[in-house]
PDB file of N, CA and C in Angstrom:
ATOM      1  N   UNK A   1      18.548  -9.583  -7.990  1.00  0.00           N
ATOM      2  CA  UNK A   1      17.230  -9.617  -8.587  1.00  0.00           C
ATOM      3  C   UNK A   1      16.133  -9.534  -7.522  1.00  0.00           C
ATOM      4  N   UNK A   2      16.334 -10.204  -6.402  1.00  0.00           N
ATOM      5  CA  UNK A   2      15.331 -10.206  -5.349  1.00  0.00           C
ATOM      6  C   UNK A   2      15.169  -8.818  -4.737  1.00  0.00           C
ATOM      7  N   UNK A   3      16.268  -8.081  -4.602  1.00  0.00           N
ATOM      8  CA  UNK A   3      16.156  -6.742  -4.036  1.00  0.00           C
ATOM      9  C   UNK A   3      15.411  -5.800  -4.970  1.00  0.00           C
ATOM     10  N   UNK A   4      15.481  -6.039  -6.284  1.00  0.00           N
ATOM     11  CA  UNK A   4      14.742  -5.202  -7.222  1.00  0.00           C
ATOM     12  C   UNK A   4      13.233  -5.418  -7.077  1.00  0.00           C
ATOM     13  N   UNK A   5      12.845  -6.637  -6.794  1.00  0.00           N
ATOM     14  CA  UNK A   5      11.420  -6.921  -6.581  1.00  0.00           C
ATOM     15  C   UNK A   5      10.929  -6.192  -5.337  1.00  0.00           C
ATOM     16  N   UNK A   6      11.724  -6.218  -4.276  1.00  0.00           N
ATOM     17  CA  UNK A   6      11.344  -5.501  -3.055  1.00  0.00           C
ATOM     18  C   UNK A   6      11.244  -4.010  -3.316  1.00  0.00           C
ATOM     19  N   UNK A   7      12.183  -3.452  -4.076  1.00  0.00           N
ATOM     20  CA  UNK A   7      12.151  -2.023  -4.359  1.00  0.00           C
ATOM     21  C   UNK A   7      10.958  -1.638  -5.227  1.00  0.00           C
ATOM     22  N   UNK A   8      10.594  -2.486  -6.176  1.00  0.00           N
ATOM     23  CA  UNK A   8       9.413  -2.213  -6.999  1.00  0.00           C
ATOM     24  C   UNK A   8       8.163  -2.174  -6.129  1.00  0.00           C
ATOM     25  N   UNK A   9       8.064  -3.091  -5.189  1.00  0.00           N
ATOM     26  CA  UNK A   9       6.902  -3.100  -4.300  1.00  0.00           C
ATOM     27  C   UNK A   9       6.908  -1.899  -3.364  1.00  0.00           C
ATOM     28  N   UNK A  10       8.089  -1.491  -2.905  1.00  0.00           N
ATOM     29  CA  UNK A  10       8.178  -0.356  -1.984  1.00  0.00           C
ATOM     30  C   UNK A  10       7.837   0.950  -2.691  1.00  0.00           C
ATOM     31  N   UNK A  11       8.360   1.154  -3.896  1.00  0.00           N
ATOM     32  CA  UNK A  11       8.232   2.454  -4.545  1.00  0.00           C
ATOM     33  C   UNK A  11       7.072   2.561  -5.530  1.00  0.00           C
ATOM     34  N   UNK A  12       6.505   1.450  -5.984  1.00  0.00           N
ATOM     35  CA  UNK A  12       5.417   1.533  -6.951  1.00  0.00           C
ATOM     36  C   UNK A  12       4.125   0.892  -6.465  1.00  0.00           C
ATOM     37  N   UNK A  13       4.185  -0.342  -6.003  1.00  0.00           N
ATOM     38  CA  UNK A  13       2.960  -1.071  -5.667  1.00  0.00           C
ATOM     39  C   UNK A  13       2.308  -0.503  -4.405  1.00  0.00           C
ATOM     40  N   UNK A  14       3.077  -0.362  -3.331  1.00  0.00           N
ATOM     41  CA  UNK A  14       2.505   0.138  -2.076  1.00  0.00           C
ATOM     42  C   UNK A  14       1.962   1.558  -2.208  1.00  0.00           C
ATOM     43  N   UNK A  15       2.694   2.513  -2.812  1.00  0.00           N
ATOM     44  CA  UNK A  15       2.102   3.846  -2.971  1.00  0.00           C
ATOM     45  C   UNK A  15       0.847   3.855  -3.846  1.00  0.00           C
ATOM     46  N   UNK A  16       0.816   2.997  -4.859  1.00  0.00           N
ATOM     47  CA  UNK A  16      -0.370   2.924  -5.708  1.00  0.00           C
ATOM     48  C   UNK A  16      -1.573   2.409  -4.921  1.00  0.00           C
ATOM     49  N   UNK A  17      -1.364   1.401  -4.101  1.00  0.00           N
ATOM     50  CA  UNK A  17      -2.458   0.889  -3.273  1.00  0.00           C
ATOM     51  C   UNK A  17      -2.910   1.930  -2.249  1.00  0.00           C
ATOM     52  N   UNK A  18      -1.958   2.605  -1.622  1.00  0.00           N
ATOM     53  CA  UNK A  18      -2.301   3.621  -0.630  1.00  0.00           C
ATOM     54  C   UNK A  18      -3.054   4.783  -1.266  1.00  0.00           C
ATOM     55  N   UNK A  19      -2.573   5.241  -2.406  1.00  0.00           N
ATOM     56  CA  UNK A  19      -3.225   6.377  -3.057  1.00  0.00           C
ATOM     57  C   UNK A  19      -4.611   6.013  -3.581  1.00  0.00           C
ATOM     58  N   UNK A  20      -4.750   4.852  -4.161  1.00  0.00           N
ATOM     59  CA  UNK A  20      -6.063   4.463  -4.681  1.00  0.00           C
ATOM     60  C   UNK A  20      -7.059   4.260  -3.541  1.00  0.00           C
ATOM     61  N   UNK A  21      -6.600   3.742  -2.417  1.00  0.00           N
ATOM     62  CA  UNK A  21      -7.480   3.625  -1.256  1.00  0.00           C
ATOM     63  C   UNK A  21      -7.888   4.970  -0.703  1.00  0.00           C
ATOM     64  N   UNK A  22      -6.927   5.896  -0.644  1.00  0.00           N
ATOM     65  CA  UNK A  22      -7.234   7.251  -0.169  1.00  0.00           C
ATOM     66  C   UNK A  22      -8.194   7.957  -1.116  1.00  0.00           C
ATOM     67  N   UNK A  23      -7.923   7.877  -2.399  1.00  0.00           N
ATOM     68  CA  UNK A  23      -8.774   8.538  -3.380  1.00  0.00           C
ATOM     69  C   UNK A  23     -10.178   7.933  -3.394  1.00  0.00           C
ATOM     70  N   UNK A  24     -10.272   6.616  -3.286  1.00  0.00           N
ATOM     71  CA  UNK A  24     -11.580   5.968  -3.239  1.00  0.00           C
ATOM     72  C   UNK A  24     -12.362   6.343  -1.999  1.00  0.00           C
ATOM     73  N   UNK A  25     -11.699   6.442  -0.866  1.00  0.00           N
ATOM     74  CA  UNK A  25     -12.371   6.861   0.366  1.00  0.00           C
ATOM     75  C   UNK A  25     -12.889   8.281   0.232  1.00  0.00           C
ATOM     76  N   UNK A  26     -12.052   9.142  -0.329  1.00  0.00           N
ATOM     77  CA  UNK A  26     -12.445  10.541  -0.503  1.00  0.00           C
ATOM     78  C   UNK A  26     -13.626  10.669  -1.473  1.00  0.00           C
ATOM     79  N   UNK A  27     -13.567   9.957  -2.589  1.00  0.00           N
ATOM     80  CA  UNK A  27     -14.641  10.055  -3.575  1.00  0.00           C
ATOM     81  C   UNK A  27     -15.937   9.409  -3.088  1.00  0.00           C
ATOM     82  N   UNK A  28     -15.830   8.319  -2.347  1.00  0.00           N
ATOM     83  CA  UNK A  28     -17.057   7.693  -1.836  1.00  0.00           C
ATOM     84  C   UNK A  28     -17.726   8.576  -0.788  1.00  0.00           C
ATOM     85  N   UNK A  29     -16.939   9.299  -0.014  1.00  0.00           N
ATOM     86  CA  UNK A  29     -17.529  10.234   0.951  1.00  0.00           C
ATOM     87  C   UNK A  29     -18.145  11.430   0.227  1.00  0.00           C
ATOM     88  N   UNK A  30     -17.498  11.878  -0.837  1.00  0.00           N
ATOM     89  CA  UNK A  30     -18.008  13.026  -1.588  1.00  0.00           C
ATOM     90  C   UNK A  30     -19.317  12.691  -2.302  1.00  0.00           C
ATOM     91  N   UNK A  31     -19.433  11.463  -2.797  1.00  0.00           N
ATOM     92  CA  UNK A  31     -20.635  11.043  -3.521  1.00  0.00           C
ATOM     93  C   UNK A  31     -21.675  10.391  -2.607  1.00  0.00           C
ATOM     94  N   UNK A  32     -21.428  10.396  -1.313  1.00  0.00           N
ATOM     95  CA  UNK A  32     -22.342   9.825  -0.311  1.00  0.00           C
ATOM     96  C   UNK A  32     -22.569   8.333  -0.541  1.00  0.00           C
ATOM     97  N   UNK A  33     -21.517   7.617  -0.907  1.00  0.00           N
ATOM     98  CA  UNK A  33     -21.581   6.156  -1.068  1.00  0.00           C
ATOM     99  C   UNK A  33     -20.721   5.519   0.036  1.00  0.00           C
ATOM    100  N   UNK A  34     -21.171   5.662   1.255  1.00  0.00           N
ATOM    101  CA  UNK A  34     -20.366   5.245   2.402  1.00  0.00           C
ATOM    102  C   UNK A  34     -20.253   3.733   2.553  1.00  0.00           C
ATOM    103  N   UNK A  35     -21.077   2.967   1.848  1.00  0.00           N
ATOM    104  CA  UNK A  35     -20.981   1.508   1.976  1.00  0.00           C
ATOM    105  C   UNK A  35     -19.709   0.968   1.329  1.00  0.00           C
ATOM    106  N   UNK A  36     -19.060   1.755   0.472  1.00  0.00           N
ATOM    107  CA  UNK A  36     -17.825   1.321  -0.164  1.00  0.00           C
ATOM    108  C   UNK A  36     -16.573   1.787   0.570  1.00  0.00           C
ATOM    109  N   UNK A  37     -16.722   2.622   1.554  1.00  0.00           N
ATOM    110  CA  UNK A  37     -15.548   3.192   2.217  1.00  0.00           C
ATOM    111  C   UNK A  37     -14.740   2.125   2.959  1.00  0.00           C
ATOM    112  N   UNK A  38     -15.375   1.085   3.459  1.00  0.00           N
ATOM    113  CA  UNK A  38     -14.637   0.042   4.171  1.00  0.00           C
ATOM    114  C   UNK A  38     -13.727  -0.743   3.224  1.00  0.00           C
ATOM    115  N   UNK A  39     -14.139  -0.886   1.965  1.00  0.00           N
ATOM    116  CA  UNK A  39     -13.297  -1.565   0.982  1.00  0.00           C
ATOM    117  C   UNK A  39     -12.050  -0.742   0.701  1.00  0.00           C
ATOM    118  N   UNK A  40     -12.216   0.570   0.601  1.00  0.00           N
ATOM    119  CA  UNK A  40     -11.070   1.432   0.331  1.00  0.00           C
ATOM    120  C   UNK A  40     -10.137   1.534   1.536  1.00  0.00           C
ATOM    121  N   UNK A  41     -10.691   1.470   2.724  1.00  0.00           N
ATOM    122  CA  UNK A  41      -9.850   1.444   3.922  1.00  0.00           C
ATOM    123  C   UNK A  41      -9.052   0.144   3.967  1.00  0.00           C
ATOM    124  N   UNK A  42      -9.687  -0.950   3.605  1.00  0.00           N
ATOM    125  CA  UNK A  42      -8.988  -2.235   3.512  1.00  0.00           C
ATOM    126  C   UNK A  42      -7.883  -2.175   2.465  1.00  0.00           C
ATOM    127  N   UNK A  43      -8.132  -1.504   1.359  1.00  0.00           N
ATOM    128  CA  UNK A  43      -7.120  -1.344   0.321  1.00  0.00           C
ATOM    129  C   UNK A  43      -5.917  -0.551   0.840  1.00  0.00           C
ATOM    130  N   UNK A  44      -6.169   0.478   1.651  1.00  0.00           N
ATOM    131  CA  UNK A  44      -5.060   1.233   2.254  1.00  0.00           C
ATOM    132  C   UNK A  44      -4.282   0.366   3.240  1.00  0.00           C
ATOM    133  N   UNK A  45      -4.985  -0.465   3.994  1.00  0.00           N
ATOM    134  CA  UNK A  45      -4.303  -1.356   4.928  1.00  0.00           C
ATOM    135  C   UNK A  45      -3.433  -2.375   4.202  1.00  0.00           C
ATOM    136  N   UNK A  46      -3.914  -2.886   3.077  1.00  0.00           N
ATOM    137  CA  UNK A  46      -3.109  -3.805   2.272  1.00  0.00           C
ATOM    138  C   UNK A  46      -1.862  -3.089   1.762  1.00  0.00           C
ATOM    139  N   UNK A  47      -2.008  -1.861   1.317  1.00  0.00           N
ATOM    140  CA  UNK A  47      -0.855  -1.080   0.873  1.00  0.00           C
ATOM    141  C   UNK A  47       0.149  -0.853   1.984  1.00  0.00           C
ATOM    142  N   UNK A  48      -0.329  -0.598   3.186  1.00  0.00           N
ATOM    143  CA  UNK A  48       0.568  -0.411   4.326  1.00  0.00           C
ATOM    144  C   UNK A  48       1.290  -1.701   4.677  1.00  0.00           C
ATOM    145  N   UNK A  49       0.584  -2.820   4.639  1.00  0.00           N
ATOM    146  CA  UNK A  49       1.211  -4.119   4.917  1.00  0.00           C
ATOM    147  C   UNK A  49       2.256  -4.452   3.858  1.00  0.00           C
ATOM    148  N   UNK A  50       1.948  -4.177   2.588  1.00  0.00           N
ATOM    149  CA  UNK A  50       2.909  -4.422   1.511  1.00  0.00           C
ATOM    150  C   UNK A  50       4.165  -3.581   1.723  1.00  0.00           C
ATOM    151  N   UNK A  51       3.976  -2.318   2.076  1.00  0.00           N
ATOM    152  CA  UNK A  51       5.112  -1.430   2.318  1.00  0.00           C
ATOM    153  C   UNK A  51       5.964  -1.914   3.483  1.00  0.00           C
ATOM    154  N   UNK A  52       5.339  -2.290   4.578  1.00  0.00           N
ATOM    155  CA  UNK A  52       6.088  -2.731   5.750  1.00  0.00           C
ATOM    156  C   UNK A  52       6.786  -4.061   5.504  1.00  0.00           C
ATOM    157  N   UNK A  53       6.102  -5.004   4.867  1.00  0.00           N
ATOM    158  CA  UNK A  53       6.682  -6.325   4.635  1.00  0.00           C
ATOM    159  C   UNK A  53       7.878  -6.240   3.700  1.00  0.00           C
ATOM    160  N   UNK A  54       7.704  -5.573   2.573  1.00  0.00           N
ATOM    161  CA  UNK A  54       8.797  -5.521   1.606  1.00  0.00           C
ATOM    162  C   UNK A  54       9.919  -4.595   2.075  1.00  0.00           C
ATOM    163  N   UNK A  55       9.578  -3.590   2.853  1.00  0.00           N
ATOM    164  CA  UNK A  55      10.619  -2.759   3.451  1.00  0.00           C
ATOM    165  C   UNK A  55      11.472  -3.554   4.429  1.00  0.00           C
ATOM    166  N   UNK A  56      10.820  -4.349   5.239  1.00  0.00           N
ATOM    167  CA  UNK A  56      11.553  -5.198   6.185  1.00  0.00           C
ATOM    168  C   UNK A  56      12.420  -6.218   5.459  1.00  0.00           C
ATOM    169  N   UNK A  57      11.862  -6.870   4.448  1.00  0.00           N
ATOM    170  CA  UNK A  57      12.636  -7.877   3.705  1.00  0.00           C
ATOM    171  C   UNK A  57      13.820  -7.236   2.974  1.00  0.00           C
ATOM    172  N   UNK A  58      13.646  -6.018   2.444  1.00  0.00           N
ATOM    173  CA  UNK A  58      14.745  -5.342   1.766  1.00  0.00           C
ATOM    174  C   UNK A  58      15.854  -4.989   2.762  1.00  0.00           C
ATOM    175  N   UNK A  59      15.462  -4.464   3.911  1.00  0.00           N
ATOM    176  CA  UNK A  59      16.467  -4.125   4.922  1.00  0.00           C
ATOM    177  C   UNK A  59      17.184  -5.369   5.427  1.00  0.00           C
ATOM    178  N   UNK A  60      16.450  -6.462   5.531  1.00  0.00           N
ATOM    179  CA  UNK A  60      17.062  -7.713   5.992  1.00  0.00           C
ATOM    180  C   UNK A  60      18.029  -8.262   4.960  1.00  0.00           C
ATOM    181  N   UNK A  61      17.692  -8.192   3.681  1.00  0.00           N
ATOM    182  CA  UNK A  61      18.579  -8.729   2.636  1.00  0.00           C
ATOM    183  C   UNK A  61      19.833  -7.865   2.494  1.00  0.00           C
ATOM    184  N   UNK A  62      19.715  -6.564   2.793  1.00  0.00           N
ATOM    185  CA  UNK A  62      20.878  -5.678   2.740  1.00  0.00           C
ATOM    186  C   UNK A  62      21.628  -5.640   4.056  1.00  0.00           C
ATOM    187  N   UNK A  63      21.199  -6.451   5.002  1.00  0.00           N
ATOM    188  CA  UNK A  63      21.842  -6.673   6.302  1.00  0.00           C
ATOM    189  C   UNK A  63      21.880  -5.399   7.152  1.00  0.00           C
ATOM    190  N   UNK A  64      20.807  -4.613   7.078  1.00  0.00           N
ATOM    191  CA  UNK A  64      20.658  -3.488   7.995  1.00  0.00           C
ATOM    192  C   UNK A  64      19.985  -3.934   9.287  1.00  0.00           C
ATOM    193  N   UNK A  65      19.306  -5.066   9.222  1.00  0.00           N
ATOM    194  CA  UNK A  65      18.616  -5.602  10.408  1.00  0.00           C
ATOM    195  C   UNK A  65      19.287  -6.913  10.790  1.00  0.00           C
TER     196      UNK A  65
END
């Protein structure tokens, strides 16, 4: 059960955070609303941290590390 939670975060949550951060950065630059771009960059960083953390925990539980 625990490995399924890690896989859900790796394949659904992290890509969703990364894509929404990328799309928000792109749209804020297109609409000249640059004051919001730092929030979207932070959102991409959170997505990257989620991906790395849950990827590491999944590899550790499957004894690859």
